[in-house]
Amino acid sequence: MLKDIITTLTAATDFSQLTILGSTDESVASAYLSLSAALTLAVKEYAVPKQIFASAQYDWQTNSLQKINLLDHKLHIASNWTADKFFVAGSQKEEAKEIITSEKFDFEAVGCDSATQIAFHHL
């Protein structure tokens, strides 16, 4: 049953119809990338690697991942999480790399354009 629900959600990929992700609140919208990557892995019955941290929001009008606000705060959270990779929208990769370098965090920024790219990055 759960697998069917996840399959339906990931096939539709429009999580904006769900109450929490349909919010325009930036702190909620930025969860899109992590949630969709985790659901993609769940459908394929893979475990979600703890070392991956991802934050980007999805723009349904342009059909693309978008930058997030509060990137520096989220990078600090990822550092405490002991992430080894932090995935962001490709358009925010350089900004993330600069913060990681200046704060001397021990992980890398990876720009991406889809949740699938993140989901199967470590496999």
PDB file of N, CA and C in Angstrom:
ATOM      1  N   MET A   1       0.818  -1.191   0.000  1.00  0.00           N
ATOM      2  CA  MET A   1       0.000   0.000   0.000  1.00  0.00           C
ATOM      3  C   MET A   1       0.866   1.262   0.000  1.00  0.00           C
ATOM      4  N   LEU A   2       1.850   1.321   0.922  1.00  0.00           N
ATOM      5  CA  LEU A   2       2.725   2.490   0.980  1.00  0.00           C
ATOM      6  C   LEU A   2       3.489   2.658  -0.329  1.00  0.00           C
ATOM      7  N   LYS A   3       3.986   1.559  -0.873  1.00  0.00           N
ATOM      8  CA  LYS A   3       4.723   1.626  -2.132  1.00  0.00           C
ATOM      9  C   LYS A   3       3.841   2.200  -3.243  1.00  0.00           C
ATOM     10  N   ASP A   4       2.557   1.835  -3.273  1.00  0.00           N
ATOM     11  CA  ASP A   4       1.630   2.365  -4.281  1.00  0.00           C
ATOM     12  C   ASP A   4       1.437   3.868  -4.119  1.00  0.00           C
ATOM     13  N   ILE A   5       1.339   4.313  -2.875  1.00  0.00           N
ATOM     14  CA  ILE A   5       1.176   5.750  -2.611  1.00  0.00           C
ATOM     15  C   ILE A   5       2.421   6.507  -3.059  1.00  0.00           C
ATOM     16  N   ILE A   6       3.590   5.989  -2.698  1.00  0.00           N
ATOM     17  CA  ILE A   6       4.840   6.641  -3.076  1.00  0.00           C
ATOM     18  C   ILE A   6       4.995   6.667  -4.592  1.00  0.00           C
ATOM     19  N   THR A   7       4.663   5.559  -5.236  1.00  0.00           N
ATOM     20  CA  THR A   7       4.747   5.506  -6.698  1.00  0.00           C
ATOM     21  C   THR A   7       3.847   6.555  -7.323  1.00  0.00           C
ATOM     22  N   THR A   8       2.650   6.697  -6.810  1.00  0.00           N
ATOM     23  CA  THR A   8       1.716   7.702  -7.327  1.00  0.00           C
ATOM     24  C   THR A   8       2.274   9.105  -7.122  1.00  0.00           C
ATOM     25  N   LEU A   9       2.810   9.363  -5.936  1.00  0.00           N
ATOM     26  CA  LEU A   9       3.364  10.690  -5.655  1.00  0.00           C
ATOM     27  C   LEU A   9       4.551  11.016  -6.551  1.00  0.00           C
ATOM     28  N   THR A  10       5.472  10.079  -6.689  1.00  0.00           N
ATOM     29  CA  THR A  10       6.659  10.367  -7.480  1.00  0.00           C
ATOM     30  C   THR A  10       6.357  10.402  -8.968  1.00  0.00           C
ATOM     31  N   ALA A  11       5.365   9.651  -9.409  1.00  0.00           N
ATOM     32  CA  ALA A  11       4.989   9.684 -10.824  1.00  0.00           C
ATOM     33  C   ALA A  11       4.406  11.047 -11.173  1.00  0.00           C
ATOM     34  N   ALA A  12       3.638  11.596 -10.265  1.00  0.00           N
ATOM     35  CA  ALA A  12       3.023  12.905 -10.511  1.00  0.00           C
ATOM     36  C   ALA A  12       4.047  14.023 -10.351  1.00  0.00           C
ATOM     37  N   THR A  13       4.983  13.859  -9.474  1.00  0.00           N
ATOM     38  CA  THR A  13       6.030  14.814  -9.111  1.00  0.00           C
ATOM     39  C   THR A  13       5.551  16.202  -8.747  1.00  0.00           C
ATOM     40  N   ASP A  14       4.274  16.466  -8.779  1.00  0.00           N
ATOM     41  CA  ASP A  14       3.768  17.783  -8.389  1.00  0.00           C
ATOM     42  C   ASP A  14       3.321  17.731  -6.943  1.00  0.00           C
ATOM     43  N   PHE A  15       4.295  17.902  -6.029  1.00  0.00           N
ATOM     44  CA  PHE A  15       3.991  17.866  -4.610  1.00  0.00           C
ATOM     45  C   PHE A  15       3.289  19.141  -4.142  1.00  0.00           C
ATOM     46  N   SER A  16       3.108  20.113  -5.020  1.00  0.00           N
ATOM     47  CA  SER A  16       2.474  21.360  -4.622  1.00  0.00           C
ATOM     48  C   SER A  16       1.010  21.159  -4.232  1.00  0.00           C
ATOM     49  N   GLN A  17       0.427  20.026  -4.629  1.00  0.00           N
ATOM     50  CA  GLN A  17      -0.951  19.755  -4.261  1.00  0.00           C
ATOM     51  C   GLN A  17      -1.071  19.296  -2.811  1.00  0.00           C
ATOM     52  N   LEU A  18       0.031  18.914  -2.200  1.00  0.00           N
ATOM     53  CA  LEU A  18       0.018  18.513  -0.801  1.00  0.00           C
ATOM     54  C   LEU A  18       0.090  19.756   0.063  1.00  0.00           C
ATOM     55  N   THR A  19      -0.650  19.768   1.133  1.00  0.00           N
ATOM     56  CA  THR A  19      -0.787  20.964   1.955  1.00  0.00           C
ATOM     57  C   THR A  19       0.545  21.573   2.378  1.00  0.00           C
ATOM     58  N   ILE A  20       1.418  20.772   2.989  1.00  0.00           N
ATOM     59  CA  ILE A  20       2.657  21.328   3.515  1.00  0.00           C
ATOM     60  C   ILE A  20       3.593  21.820   2.409  1.00  0.00           C
ATOM     61  N   LEU A  21       3.681  21.091   1.310  1.00  0.00           N
ATOM     62  CA  LEU A  21       4.590  21.499   0.253  1.00  0.00           C
ATOM     63  C   LEU A  21       3.960  22.512  -0.693  1.00  0.00           C
ATOM     64  N   GLY A  22       2.671  22.670  -0.607  1.00  0.00           N
ATOM     65  CA  GLY A  22       1.999  23.671  -1.427  1.00  0.00           C
ATOM     66  C   GLY A  22       2.146  25.066  -0.840  1.00  0.00           C
ATOM     67  N   SER A  23       2.715  25.134   0.333  1.00  0.00           N
ATOM     68  CA  SER A  23       2.900  26.404   1.017  1.00  0.00           C
ATOM     69  C   SER A  23       3.896  27.273   0.267  1.00  0.00           C
ATOM     70  N   THR A  24       3.742  28.567   0.384  1.00  0.00           N
ATOM     71  CA  THR A  24       4.719  29.480  -0.201  1.00  0.00           C
ATOM     72  C   THR A  24       5.794  29.847   0.819  1.00  0.00           C
ATOM     73  N   ASP A  25       5.708  29.269   2.002  1.00  0.00           N
ATOM     74  CA  ASP A  25       6.702  29.490   3.043  1.00  0.00           C
ATOM     75  C   ASP A  25       8.033  28.904   2.589  1.00  0.00           C
ATOM     76  N   GLU A  26       9.061  29.724   2.493  1.00  0.00           N
ATOM     77  CA  GLU A  26      10.370  29.293   2.003  1.00  0.00           C
ATOM     78  C   GLU A  26      10.929  28.113   2.784  1.00  0.00           C
ATOM     79  N   SER A  27      10.756  28.106   4.094  1.00  0.00           N
ATOM     80  CA  SER A  27      11.327  27.027   4.890  1.00  0.00           C
ATOM     81  C   SER A  27      10.701  25.686   4.547  1.00  0.00           C
ATOM     82  N   VAL A  28       9.464  25.701   4.101  1.00  0.00           N
ATOM     83  CA  VAL A  28       8.789  24.468   3.704  1.00  0.00           C
ATOM     84  C   VAL A  28       9.098  24.142   2.249  1.00  0.00           C
ATOM     85  N   ALA A  29       9.074  25.128   1.391  1.00  0.00           N
ATOM     86  CA  ALA A  29       9.291  24.899  -0.041  1.00  0.00           C
ATOM     87  C   ALA A  29      10.666  24.311  -0.328  1.00  0.00           C
ATOM     88  N   SER A  30      11.644  24.663   0.463  1.00  0.00           N
ATOM     89  CA  SER A  30      13.003  24.174   0.219  1.00  0.00           C
ATOM     90  C   SER A  30      13.155  22.689   0.522  1.00  0.00           C
ATOM     91  N   ALA A  31      12.158  22.082   1.136  1.00  0.00           N
ATOM     92  CA  ALA A  31      12.208  20.644   1.435  1.00  0.00           C
ATOM     93  C   ALA A  31      11.898  19.795   0.214  1.00  0.00           C
ATOM     94  N   TYR A  32      11.452  20.410  -0.866  1.00  0.00           N
ATOM     95  CA  TYR A  32      11.056  19.659  -2.063  1.00  0.00           C
ATOM     96  C   TYR A  32      12.136  18.680  -2.514  1.00  0.00           C
ATOM     97  N   LEU A  33      13.343  19.145  -2.644  1.00  0.00           N
ATOM     98  CA  LEU A  33      14.410  18.328  -3.221  1.00  0.00           C
ATOM     99  C   LEU A  33      14.715  17.100  -2.362  1.00  0.00           C
ATOM    100  N   SER A  34      14.831  17.282  -1.060  1.00  0.00           N
ATOM    101  CA  SER A  34      15.107  16.149  -0.169  1.00  0.00           C
ATOM    102  C   SER A  34      13.971  15.141  -0.178  1.00  0.00           C
ATOM    103  N   LEU A  35      12.756  15.638  -0.086  1.00  0.00           N
ATOM    104  CA  LEU A  35      11.607  14.742  -0.049  1.00  0.00           C
ATOM    105  C   LEU A  35      11.459  13.960  -1.346  1.00  0.00           C
ATOM    106  N   SER A  36      11.567  14.625  -2.463  1.00  0.00           N
ATOM    107  CA  SER A  36      11.372  13.917  -3.730  1.00  0.00           C
ATOM    108  C   SER A  36      12.499  12.920  -4.002  1.00  0.00           C
ATOM    109  N   ALA A  37      13.725  13.231  -3.597  1.00  0.00           N
ATOM    110  CA  ALA A  37      14.827  12.273  -3.758  1.00  0.00           C
ATOM    111  C   ALA A  37      14.600  11.054  -2.864  1.00  0.00           C
ATOM    112  N   ALA A  38      14.169  11.278  -1.629  1.00  0.00           N
ATOM    113  CA  ALA A  38      13.913  10.169  -0.711  1.00  0.00           C
ATOM    114  C   ALA A  38      12.769   9.289  -1.209  1.00  0.00           C
ATOM    115  N   LEU A  39      11.723   9.903  -1.737  1.00  0.00           N
ATOM    116  CA  LEU A  39      10.601   9.125  -2.273  1.00  0.00           C
ATOM    117  C   LEU A  39      11.024   8.321  -3.494  1.00  0.00           C
ATOM    118  N   THR A  40      11.872   8.903  -4.319  1.00  0.00           N
ATOM    119  CA  THR A  40      12.384   8.181  -5.498  1.00  0.00           C
ATOM    120  C   THR A  40      13.138   6.937  -5.058  1.00  0.00           C
ATOM    121  N   LEU A  41      13.977   7.071  -4.027  1.00  0.00           N
ATOM    122  CA  LEU A  41      14.722   5.914  -3.509  1.00  0.00           C
ATOM    123  C   LEU A  41      13.782   4.892  -2.873  1.00  0.00           C
ATOM    124  N   ALA A  42      12.773   5.368  -2.158  1.00  0.00           N
ATOM    125  CA  ALA A  42      11.839   4.460  -1.494  1.00  0.00           C
ATOM    126  C   ALA A  42      11.095   3.595  -2.505  1.00  0.00           C
ATOM    127  N   VAL A  43      10.690   4.183  -3.605  1.00  0.00           N
ATOM    128  CA  VAL A  43       9.987   3.427  -4.643  1.00  0.00           C
ATOM    129  C   VAL A  43      10.866   2.306  -5.171  1.00  0.00           C
ATOM    130  N   LYS A  44      12.149   2.556  -5.294  1.00  0.00           N
ATOM    131  CA  LYS A  44      13.094   1.549  -5.799  1.00  0.00           C
ATOM    132  C   LYS A  44      13.605   0.642  -4.684  1.00  0.00           C
ATOM    133  N   GLU A  45      13.104   0.876  -3.450  1.00  0.00           N
ATOM    134  CA  GLU A  45      13.451   0.086  -2.275  1.00  0.00           C
ATOM    135  C   GLU A  45      14.922   0.192  -1.878  1.00  0.00           C
ATOM    136  N   TYR A  46      15.470   1.382  -2.035  1.00  0.00           N
ATOM    137  CA  TYR A  46      16.824   1.669  -1.567  1.00  0.00           C
ATOM    138  C   TYR A  46      16.733   2.466  -0.267  1.00  0.00           C
ATOM    139  N   ALA A  47      17.730   2.334   0.576  1.00  0.00           N
ATOM    140  CA  ALA A  47      17.814   3.146   1.783  1.00  0.00           C
ATOM    141  C   ALA A  47      18.307   4.539   1.410  1.00  0.00           C
ATOM    142  N   VAL A  48      17.879   5.515   2.152  1.00  0.00           N
ATOM    143  CA  VAL A  48      18.330   6.891   1.927  1.00  0.00           C
ATOM    144  C   VAL A  48      19.660   7.091   2.652  1.00  0.00           C
ATOM    145  N   PRO A  49      20.731   7.436   1.926  1.00  0.00           N
ATOM    146  CA  PRO A  49      22.031   7.642   2.584  1.00  0.00           C
ATOM    147  C   PRO A  49      22.007   8.856   3.509  1.00  0.00           C
ATOM    148  N   LYS A  50      22.474   8.697   4.728  1.00  0.00           N
ATOM    149  CA  LYS A  50      22.466   9.774   5.715  1.00  0.00           C
ATOM    150  C   LYS A  50      23.382  10.932   5.303  1.00  0.00           C
ATOM    151  N   GLN A  51      24.421  10.649   4.573  1.00  0.00           N
ATOM    152  CA  GLN A  51      25.426  11.674   4.282  1.00  0.00           C
ATOM    153  C   GLN A  51      24.965  12.706   3.256  1.00  0.00           C
ATOM    154  N   ILE A  52      23.820  12.499   2.663  1.00  0.00           N
ATOM    155  CA  ILE A  52      23.346  13.436   1.649  1.00  0.00           C
ATOM    156  C   ILE A  52      22.419  14.467   2.277  1.00  0.00           C
ATOM    157  N   PHE A  53      22.657  15.713   1.952  1.00  0.00           N
ATOM    158  CA  PHE A  53      21.806  16.806   2.403  1.00  0.00           C
ATOM    159  C   PHE A  53      21.425  17.584   1.148  1.00  0.00           C
ATOM    160  N   ALA A  54      20.163  17.911   0.989  1.00  0.00           N
ATOM    161  CA  ALA A  54      19.713  18.611  -0.217  1.00  0.00           C
ATOM    162  C   ALA A  54      18.694  19.670   0.142  1.00  0.00           C
ATOM    163  N   SER A  55      18.766  20.794  -0.530  1.00  0.00           N
ATOM    164  CA  SER A  55      17.798  21.853  -0.287  1.00  0.00           C
ATOM    165  C   SER A  55      17.633  22.698  -1.545  1.00  0.00           C
ATOM    166  N   ALA A  56      16.451  22.614  -2.121  1.00  0.00           N
ATOM    167  CA  ALA A  56      16.079  23.440  -3.271  1.00  0.00           C
ATOM    168  C   ALA A  56      14.563  23.417  -3.373  1.00  0.00           C
ATOM    169  N   GLN A  57      14.018  24.439  -3.954  1.00  0.00           N
ATOM    170  CA  GLN A  57      12.574  24.438  -4.173  1.00  0.00           C
ATOM    171  C   GLN A  57      12.288  24.274  -5.655  1.00  0.00           C
ATOM    172  N   TYR A  58      11.071  23.890  -5.961  1.00  0.00           N
ATOM    173  CA  TYR A  58      10.698  23.620  -7.345  1.00  0.00           C
ATOM    174  C   TYR A  58       9.769  24.702  -7.849  1.00  0.00           C
ATOM    175  N   ASP A  59      10.060  25.218  -9.016  1.00  0.00           N
ATOM    176  CA  ASP A  59       9.205  26.226  -9.653  1.00  0.00           C
ATOM    177  C   ASP A  59       8.371  25.523 -10.721  1.00  0.00           C
ATOM    178  N   TRP A  60       7.089  25.413 -10.481  1.00  0.00           N
ATOM    179  CA  TRP A  60       6.191  24.689 -11.387  1.00  0.00           C
ATOM    180  C   TRP A  60       5.983  25.436 -12.695  1.00  0.00           C
ATOM    181  N   GLN A  61       6.183  26.739 -12.708  1.00  0.00           N
ATOM    182  CA  GLN A  61       6.002  27.516 -13.937  1.00  0.00           C
ATOM    183  C   GLN A  61       7.160  27.315 -14.904  1.00  0.00           C
ATOM    184  N   THR A  62       8.372  27.217 -14.361  1.00  0.00           N
ATOM    185  CA  THR A  62       9.543  27.028 -15.228  1.00  0.00           C
ATOM    186  C   THR A  62       9.982  25.569 -15.283  1.00  0.00           C
ATOM    187  N   ASN A  63       9.347  24.730 -14.470  1.00  0.00           N
ATOM    188  CA  ASN A  63       9.665  23.305 -14.419  1.00  0.00           C
ATOM    189  C   ASN A  63      11.145  23.069 -14.100  1.00  0.00           C
ATOM    190  N   SER A  64      11.630  23.774 -13.055  1.00  0.00           N
ATOM    191  CA  SER A  64      13.046  23.660 -12.708  1.00  0.00           C
ATOM    192  C   SER A  64      13.269  23.898 -11.217  1.00  0.00           C
ATOM    193  N   LEU A  65      14.420  23.418 -10.743  1.00  0.00           N
ATOM    194  CA  LEU A  65      14.820  23.674  -9.363  1.00  0.00           C
ATOM    195  C   LEU A  65      15.262  25.120  -9.243  1.00  0.00           C
ATOM    196  N   GLN A  66      14.968  25.717  -8.099  1.00  0.00           N
ATOM    197  CA  GLN A  66      15.293  27.118  -7.855  1.00  0.00           C
ATOM    198  C   GLN A  66      16.123  27.269  -6.585  1.00  0.00           C
ATOM    199  N   LYS A  67      16.818  28.390  -6.489  1.00  0.00           N
ATOM    200  CA  LYS A  67      17.614  28.724  -5.315  1.00  0.00           C
ATOM    201  C   LYS A  67      16.734  28.798  -4.071  1.00  0.00           C
ATOM    202  N   ILE A  68      17.374  28.617  -2.936  1.00  0.00           N
ATOM    203  CA  ILE A  68      16.695  28.747  -1.652  1.00  0.00           C
ATOM    204  C   ILE A  68      17.215  29.977  -0.930  1.00  0.00           C
ATOM    205  N   ASN A  69      16.446  30.460   0.012  1.00  0.00           N
ATOM    206  CA  ASN A  69      16.898  31.501   0.917  1.00  0.00           C
ATOM    207  C   ASN A  69      17.568  30.822   2.116  1.00  0.00           C
ATOM    208  N   LEU A  70      18.293  31.577   2.876  1.00  0.00           N
ATOM    209  CA  LEU A  70      18.934  31.085   4.100  1.00  0.00           C
ATOM    210  C   LEU A  70      19.917  29.945   3.842  1.00  0.00           C
ATOM    211  N   LEU A  71      20.589  29.988   2.713  1.00  0.00           N
ATOM    212  CA  LEU A  71      21.542  28.931   2.358  1.00  0.00           C
ATOM    213  C   LEU A  71      22.612  28.760   3.425  1.00  0.00           C
ATOM    214  N   ASP A  72      23.161  29.853   3.932  1.00  0.00           N
ATOM    215  CA  ASP A  72      24.215  29.746   4.941  1.00  0.00           C
ATOM    216  C   ASP A  72      23.740  28.991   6.179  1.00  0.00           C
ATOM    217  N   HIS A  73      22.511  29.216   6.608  1.00  0.00           N
ATOM    218  CA  HIS A  73      21.969  28.505   7.772  1.00  0.00           C
ATOM    219  C   HIS A  73      21.838  27.006   7.483  1.00  0.00           C
ATOM    220  N   LYS A  74      21.380  26.693   6.294  1.00  0.00           N
ATOM    221  CA  LYS A  74      21.188  25.283   5.931  1.00  0.00           C
ATOM    222  C   LYS A  74      22.530  24.566   5.770  1.00  0.00           C
ATOM    223  N   LEU A  75      23.543  25.280   5.330  1.00  0.00           N
ATOM    224  CA  LEU A  75      24.885  24.689   5.252  1.00  0.00           C
ATOM    225  C   LEU A  75      25.427  24.382   6.647  1.00  0.00           C
ATOM    226  N   HIS A  76      25.135  25.237   7.618  1.00  0.00           N
ATOM    227  CA  HIS A  76      25.538  24.966   8.996  1.00  0.00           C
ATOM    228  C   HIS A  76      24.824  23.726   9.536  1.00  0.00           C
ATOM    229  N   ILE A  77      23.551  23.587   9.218  1.00  0.00           N
ATOM    230  CA  ILE A  77      22.809  22.394   9.642  1.00  0.00           C
ATOM    231  C   ILE A  77      23.433  21.150   9.021  1.00  0.00           C
ATOM    232  N   ALA A  78      23.770  21.229   7.739  1.00  0.00           N
ATOM    233  CA  ALA A  78      24.390  20.090   7.054  1.00  0.00           C
ATOM    234  C   ALA A  78      25.725  19.727   7.690  1.00  0.00           C
ATOM    235  N   SER A  79      26.470  20.728   8.131  1.00  0.00           N
ATOM    236  CA  SER A  79      27.750  20.471   8.795  1.00  0.00           C
ATOM    237  C   SER A  79      27.521  19.706  10.103  1.00  0.00           C
ATOM    238  N   ASN A  80      26.529  20.123  10.866  1.00  0.00           N
ATOM    239  CA  ASN A  80      26.199  19.420  12.113  1.00  0.00           C
ATOM    240  C   ASN A  80      25.677  18.010  11.831  1.00  0.00           C
ATOM    241  N   TRP A  81      25.065  17.826  10.699  1.00  0.00           N
ATOM    242  CA  TRP A  81      24.509  16.536  10.267  1.00  0.00           C
ATOM    243  C   TRP A  81      25.620  15.599   9.818  1.00  0.00           C
ATOM    244  N   THR A  82      26.799  16.131   9.628  1.00  0.00           N
ATOM    245  CA  THR A  82      27.978  15.446   9.073  1.00  0.00           C
ATOM    246  C   THR A  82      27.742  14.962   7.646  1.00  0.00           C
ATOM    247  N   ALA A  83      27.191  15.846   6.859  1.00  0.00           N
ATOM    248  CA  ALA A  83      26.973  15.549   5.442  1.00  0.00           C
ATOM    249  C   ALA A  83      28.309  15.451   4.719  1.00  0.00           C
ATOM    250  N   ASP A  84      28.343  14.685   3.632  1.00  0.00           N
ATOM    251  CA  ASP A  84      29.532  14.698   2.788  1.00  0.00           C
ATOM    252  C   ASP A  84      29.245  15.378   1.454  1.00  0.00           C
ATOM    253  N   LYS A  85      27.946  15.572   1.161  1.00  0.00           N
ATOM    254  CA  LYS A  85      27.554  16.313  -0.039  1.00  0.00           C
ATOM    255  C   LYS A  85      26.318  17.140   0.280  1.00  0.00           C
ATOM    256  N   PHE A  86      26.275  18.326  -0.280  1.00  0.00           N
ATOM    257  CA  PHE A  86      25.119  19.207  -0.118  1.00  0.00           C
ATOM    258  C   PHE A  86      24.629  19.557  -1.521  1.00  0.00           C
ATOM    259  N   PHE A  87      23.467  19.048  -1.879  1.00  0.00           N
ATOM    260  CA  PHE A  87      22.910  19.295  -3.209  1.00  0.00           C
ATOM    261  C   PHE A  87      22.052  20.547  -3.198  1.00  0.00           C
ATOM    262  N   VAL A  88      22.281  21.383  -4.188  1.00  0.00           N
ATOM    263  CA  VAL A  88      21.498  22.608  -4.378  1.00  0.00           C
ATOM    264  C   VAL A  88      21.152  22.727  -5.861  1.00  0.00           C
ATOM    265  N   ALA A  89      20.261  23.633  -6.162  1.00  0.00           N
ATOM    266  CA  ALA A  89      19.980  23.923  -7.570  1.00  0.00           C
ATOM    267  C   ALA A  89      21.285  24.328  -8.243  1.00  0.00           C
ATOM    268  N   GLY A  90      21.461  23.930  -9.489  1.00  0.00           N
ATOM    269  CA  GLY A  90      22.688  24.256 -10.207  1.00  0.00           C
ATOM    270  C   GLY A  90      23.024  25.736 -10.175  1.00  0.00           C
ATOM    271  N   SER A  91      21.992  26.572 -10.170  1.00  0.00           N
ATOM    272  CA  SER A  91      22.202  28.026 -10.166  1.00  0.00           C
ATOM    273  C   SER A  91      22.724  28.548  -8.828  1.00  0.00           C
ATOM    274  N   GLN A  92      22.759  27.712  -7.796  1.00  0.00           N
ATOM    275  CA  GLN A  92      23.228  28.148  -6.487  1.00  0.00           C
ATOM    276  C   GLN A  92      24.510  27.441  -6.049  1.00  0.00           C
ATOM    277  N   LYS A  93      25.063  26.631  -6.923  1.00  0.00           N
ATOM    278  CA  LYS A  93      26.250  25.848  -6.574  1.00  0.00           C
ATOM    279  C   LYS A  93      27.444  26.726  -6.187  1.00  0.00           C
ATOM    280  N   GLU A  94      27.738  27.736  -6.966  1.00  0.00           N
ATOM    281  CA  GLU A  94      28.912  28.575  -6.681  1.00  0.00           C
ATOM    282  C   GLU A  94      28.766  29.310  -5.355  1.00  0.00           C
ATOM    283  N   GLU A  95      27.577  29.807  -5.074  1.00  0.00           N
ATOM    284  CA  GLU A  95      27.328  30.479  -3.795  1.00  0.00           C
ATOM    285  C   GLU A  95      27.559  29.503  -2.636  1.00  0.00           C
ATOM    286  N   ALA A  96      27.070  28.281  -2.779  1.00  0.00           N
ATOM    287  CA  ALA A  96      27.265  27.267  -1.741  1.00  0.00           C
ATOM    288  C   ALA A  96      28.747  26.938  -1.559  1.00  0.00           C
ATOM    289  N   LYS A  97      29.475  26.801  -2.680  1.00  0.00           N
ATOM    290  CA  LYS A  97      30.911  26.502  -2.601  1.00  0.00           C
ATOM    291  C   LYS A  97      31.667  27.599  -1.864  1.00  0.00           C
ATOM    292  N   GLU A  98      31.314  28.851  -2.110  1.00  0.00           N
ATOM    293  CA  GLU A  98      31.980  29.974  -1.444  1.00  0.00           C
ATOM    294  C   GLU A  98      31.756  29.929   0.065  1.00  0.00           C
ATOM    295  N   ILE A  99      30.532  29.663   0.483  1.00  0.00           N
ATOM    296  CA  ILE A  99      30.234  29.593   1.918  1.00  0.00           C
ATOM    297  C   ILE A  99      30.951  28.401   2.545  1.00  0.00           C
ATOM    298  N   ILE A 100      30.933  27.264   1.882  1.00  0.00           N
ATOM    299  CA  ILE A 100      31.607  26.063   2.397  1.00  0.00           C
ATOM    300  C   ILE A 100      33.103  26.329   2.581  1.00  0.00           C
ATOM    301  N   THR A 101      33.706  26.991   1.619  1.00  0.00           N
ATOM    302  CA  THR A 101      35.133  27.317   1.706  1.00  0.00           C
ATOM    303  C   THR A 101      35.405  28.292   2.845  1.00  0.00           C
ATOM    304  N   SER A 102      34.612  29.355   2.941  1.00  0.00           N
ATOM    305  CA  SER A 102      34.857  30.370   3.975  1.00  0.00           C
ATOM    306  C   SER A 102      34.608  29.829   5.386  1.00  0.00           C
ATOM    307  N   GLU A 103      33.660  28.916   5.527  1.00  0.00           N
ATOM    308  CA  GLU A 103      33.358  28.341   6.843  1.00  0.00           C
ATOM    309  C   GLU A 103      34.189  27.090   7.148  1.00  0.00           C
ATOM    310  N   LYS A 104      34.964  26.640   6.136  1.00  0.00           N
ATOM    311  CA  LYS A 104      35.813  25.451   6.282  1.00  0.00           C
ATOM    312  C   LYS A 104      35.009  24.205   6.644  1.00  0.00           C
ATOM    313  N   PHE A 105      33.852  24.060   5.994  1.00  0.00           N
ATOM    314  CA  PHE A 105      33.038  22.855   6.181  1.00  0.00           C
ATOM    315  C   PHE A 105      33.696  21.689   5.465  1.00  0.00           C
ATOM    316  N   ASP A 106      33.434  20.499   5.972  1.00  0.00           N
ATOM    317  CA  ASP A 106      34.074  19.297   5.446  1.00  0.00           C
ATOM    318  C   ASP A 106      33.125  18.508   4.531  1.00  0.00           C
ATOM    319  N   PHE A 107      32.533  19.184   3.560  1.00  0.00           N
ATOM    320  CA  PHE A 107      31.695  18.545   2.553  1.00  0.00           C
ATOM    321  C   PHE A 107      31.708  19.406   1.307  1.00  0.00           C
ATOM    322  N   GLU A 108      31.170  18.870   0.226  1.00  0.00           N
ATOM    323  CA  GLU A 108      31.193  19.608  -1.034  1.00  0.00           C
ATOM    324  C   GLU A 108      29.785  19.980  -1.484  1.00  0.00           C
ATOM    325  N   ALA A 109      29.706  21.036  -2.270  1.00  0.00           N
ATOM    326  CA  ALA A 109      28.443  21.446  -2.877  1.00  0.00           C
ATOM    327  C   ALA A 109      28.324  20.796  -4.245  1.00  0.00           C
ATOM    328  N   VAL A 110      27.142  20.288  -4.531  1.00  0.00           N
ATOM    329  CA  VAL A 110      26.880  19.671  -5.826  1.00  0.00           C
ATOM    330  C   VAL A 110      25.641  20.328  -6.414  1.00  0.00           C
ATOM    331  N   GLY A 111      25.799  20.910  -7.580  1.00  0.00           N
ATOM    332  CA  GLY A 111      24.649  21.497  -8.269  1.00  0.00           C
ATOM    333  C   GLY A 111      23.900  20.408  -9.014  1.00  0.00           C
ATOM    334  N   CYS A 112      22.584  20.489  -9.030  1.00  0.00           N
ATOM    335  CA  CYS A 112      21.811  19.452  -9.706  1.00  0.00           C
ATOM    336  C   CYS A 112      20.569  20.060 -10.344  1.00  0.00           C
ATOM    337  N   ASP A 113      19.937  19.251 -11.171  1.00  0.00           N
ATOM    338  CA  ASP A 113      18.720  19.726 -11.819  1.00  0.00           C
ATOM    339  C   ASP A 113      17.538  18.800 -11.602  1.00  0.00           C
ATOM    340  N   SER A 114      17.705  17.739 -10.784  1.00  0.00           N
ATOM    341  CA  SER A 114      16.569  16.856 -10.511  1.00  0.00           C
ATOM    342  C   SER A 114      16.799  16.048  -9.240  1.00  0.00           C
ATOM    343  N   ALA A 115      15.695  15.595  -8.657  1.00  0.00           N
ATOM    344  CA  ALA A 115      15.775  14.733  -7.480  1.00  0.00           C
ATOM    345  C   ALA A 115      16.349  13.375  -7.844  1.00  0.00           C
ATOM    346  N   THR A 116      16.093  12.915  -9.038  1.00  0.00           N
ATOM    347  CA  THR A 116      16.615  11.616  -9.474  1.00  0.00           C
ATOM    348  C   THR A 116      18.135  11.625  -9.481  1.00  0.00           C
ATOM    349  N   GLN A 117      18.721  12.739  -9.882  1.00  0.00           N
ATOM    350  CA  GLN A 117      20.182  12.868  -9.896  1.00  0.00           C
ATOM    351  C   GLN A 117      20.744  12.665  -8.493  1.00  0.00           C
ATOM    352  N   ILE A 118      20.093  13.223  -7.497  1.00  0.00           N
ATOM    353  CA  ILE A 118      20.539  13.070  -6.122  1.00  0.00           C
ATOM    354  C   ILE A 118      20.309  11.648  -5.628  1.00  0.00           C
ATOM    355  N   ALA A 119      19.118  11.141  -5.907  1.00  0.00           N
ATOM    356  CA  ALA A 119      18.731   9.822  -5.403  1.00  0.00           C
ATOM    357  C   ALA A 119      19.728   8.758  -5.801  1.00  0.00           C
ATOM    358  N   PHE A 120      20.217   8.808  -7.024  1.00  0.00           N
ATOM    359  CA  PHE A 120      21.084   7.747  -7.505  1.00  0.00           C
ATOM    360  C   PHE A 120      22.556   8.158  -7.594  1.00  0.00           C
ATOM    361  N   HIS A 121      22.903   9.273  -6.997  1.00  0.00           N
ATOM    362  CA  HIS A 121      24.275   9.783  -7.015  1.00  0.00           C
ATOM    363  C   HIS A 121      25.257   8.812  -6.355  1.00  0.00           C
ATOM    364  N   HIS A 122      24.871   8.214  -5.228  1.00  0.00           N
ATOM    365  CA  HIS A 122      25.760   7.334  -4.467  1.00  0.00           C
ATOM    366  C   HIS A 122      25.713   5.881  -4.909  1.00  0.00           C
ATOM    367  N   LEU A 123      24.803   5.539  -5.779  1.00  0.00           N
ATOM    368  CA  LEU A 123      24.647   4.118  -6.154  1.00  0.00           C
ATOM    369  C   LEU A 123      25.609   3.727  -7.250  1.00  0.00           C
TER     370      LEU A 123
END
